[in-house]
Amino acid sequence: MIADTPKPASQNEGEGNRTADAQYRRGVEEHVRHHDVQGDADRARRAVDGPEGDELRRAEAEGKRHAKGEDPGLKKG
């Protein structure tokens, strides 16, 4: 049984964090229920196919160049 009540902030659930999973799923469900998801997808498709498409693809490529979890704004050294 998965509890929907959040655990105290000091308790680390580690991998498979059930509290975070439940919060994420509720957020997605609420977004789908209250937003025009198909309209959002249509607008995104038009943006990628339109004049800003090249800029969006460059931004996507830049994001993919960074390792997962790496903050490109932080400098090492």
Protein backbone atom coordinates (compact mmCIF):
# COMPACT_ATOMS: atom_id res chain seq x y z
CA MET A 1 0.00 0.00 0.00
CA ILE A 2 1.38 3.39 -1.02
CA ALA A 3 0.61 6.23 1.35
CA ASP A 4 -0.39 9.52 -0.26
CA THR A 5 0.69 11.52 2.76
CA PRO A 6 4.17 13.00 2.44
CA LYS A 7 6.83 11.81 4.84
CA PRO A 8 8.80 14.26 6.94
CA ALA A 9 11.38 16.18 4.89
CA SER A 10 14.20 14.68 6.95
CA GLN A 11 13.40 11.12 5.84
CA ASN A 12 15.31 10.16 2.70
CA GLU A 13 13.41 7.56 0.70
CA GLY A 14 16.28 7.11 -1.77
CA GLU A 15 15.79 5.30 -5.09
CA GLY A 16 12.16 4.62 -5.88
CA ASN A 17 10.96 7.54 -3.76
CA ARG A 18 7.23 6.78 -3.42
CA THR A 19 6.32 10.21 -2.09
CA ALA A 20 7.95 11.98 -5.05
CA ASP A 21 6.35 9.49 -7.45
CA ALA A 22 2.88 10.10 -6.00
CA GLN A 23 3.36 13.89 -6.16
CA TYR A 24 4.56 13.69 -9.77
CA ARG A 25 1.63 11.50 -10.83
CA ARG A 26 -0.88 13.82 -9.14
CA GLY A 27 0.71 16.80 -10.88
CA VAL A 28 0.56 15.15 -14.31
CA GLU A 29 -3.05 14.09 -13.74
CA GLU A 30 -4.02 17.60 -12.67
CA HIS A 31 -2.23 19.17 -15.64
CA VAL A 32 -3.98 16.85 -18.11
CA ARG A 33 -7.33 17.50 -16.45
CA HIS A 34 -7.03 21.31 -16.42
CA HIS A 35 -4.99 22.16 -19.52
CA ASP A 36 -5.48 21.92 -23.26
CA VAL A 37 -2.82 19.25 -23.81
CA GLN A 38 -3.72 18.69 -27.47
CA GLY A 39 -3.62 22.45 -28.05
CA ASP A 40 -0.21 22.62 -26.35
CA ALA A 41 1.05 19.84 -28.64
CA ASP A 42 -0.35 21.59 -31.73
CA ARG A 43 1.31 24.89 -30.75
CA ALA A 44 4.62 23.12 -30.14
CA ARG A 45 4.42 21.38 -33.50
CA ARG A 46 3.75 24.69 -35.27
CA ALA A 47 6.67 26.32 -33.41
CA VAL A 48 9.09 23.57 -34.44
CA ASP A 49 7.84 23.65 -38.03
CA GLY A 50 7.80 27.47 -38.12
CA PRO A 51 10.40 30.25 -38.13
CA GLU A 52 11.64 29.49 -34.61
CA GLY A 53 12.24 25.81 -35.41
CA ASP A 54 15.99 26.19 -36.02
CA GLU A 55 16.44 27.99 -32.70
CA LEU A 56 14.42 25.33 -30.86
CA ARG A 57 16.47 22.51 -32.42
CA ARG A 58 19.73 24.29 -31.47
CA ALA A 59 18.48 24.64 -27.88
CA GLU A 60 17.55 20.96 -27.81
CA ALA A 61 20.99 19.95 -29.12
CA GLU A 62 22.69 22.17 -26.52
CA GLY A 63 20.66 20.56 -23.75
CA LYS A 64 21.57 17.08 -24.96
CA ARG A 65 25.29 17.93 -24.88
CA HIS A 66 25.21 18.22 -21.11
CA ALA A 67 25.47 15.15 -18.93
CA LYS A 68 22.41 14.25 -16.89
CA GLY A 69 22.53 16.09 -13.59
CA GLU A 70 25.22 18.51 -14.74
CA ASP A 71 24.45 22.19 -14.34
CA PRO A 72 25.96 24.01 -17.34
CA GLY A 73 25.87 27.24 -15.33
CA LEU A 74 28.35 25.92 -12.77
CA LYS A 75 32.04 26.15 -13.57
CA LYS A 76 34.47 23.58 -12.28
CA GLY A 77 37.76 24.58 -10.83
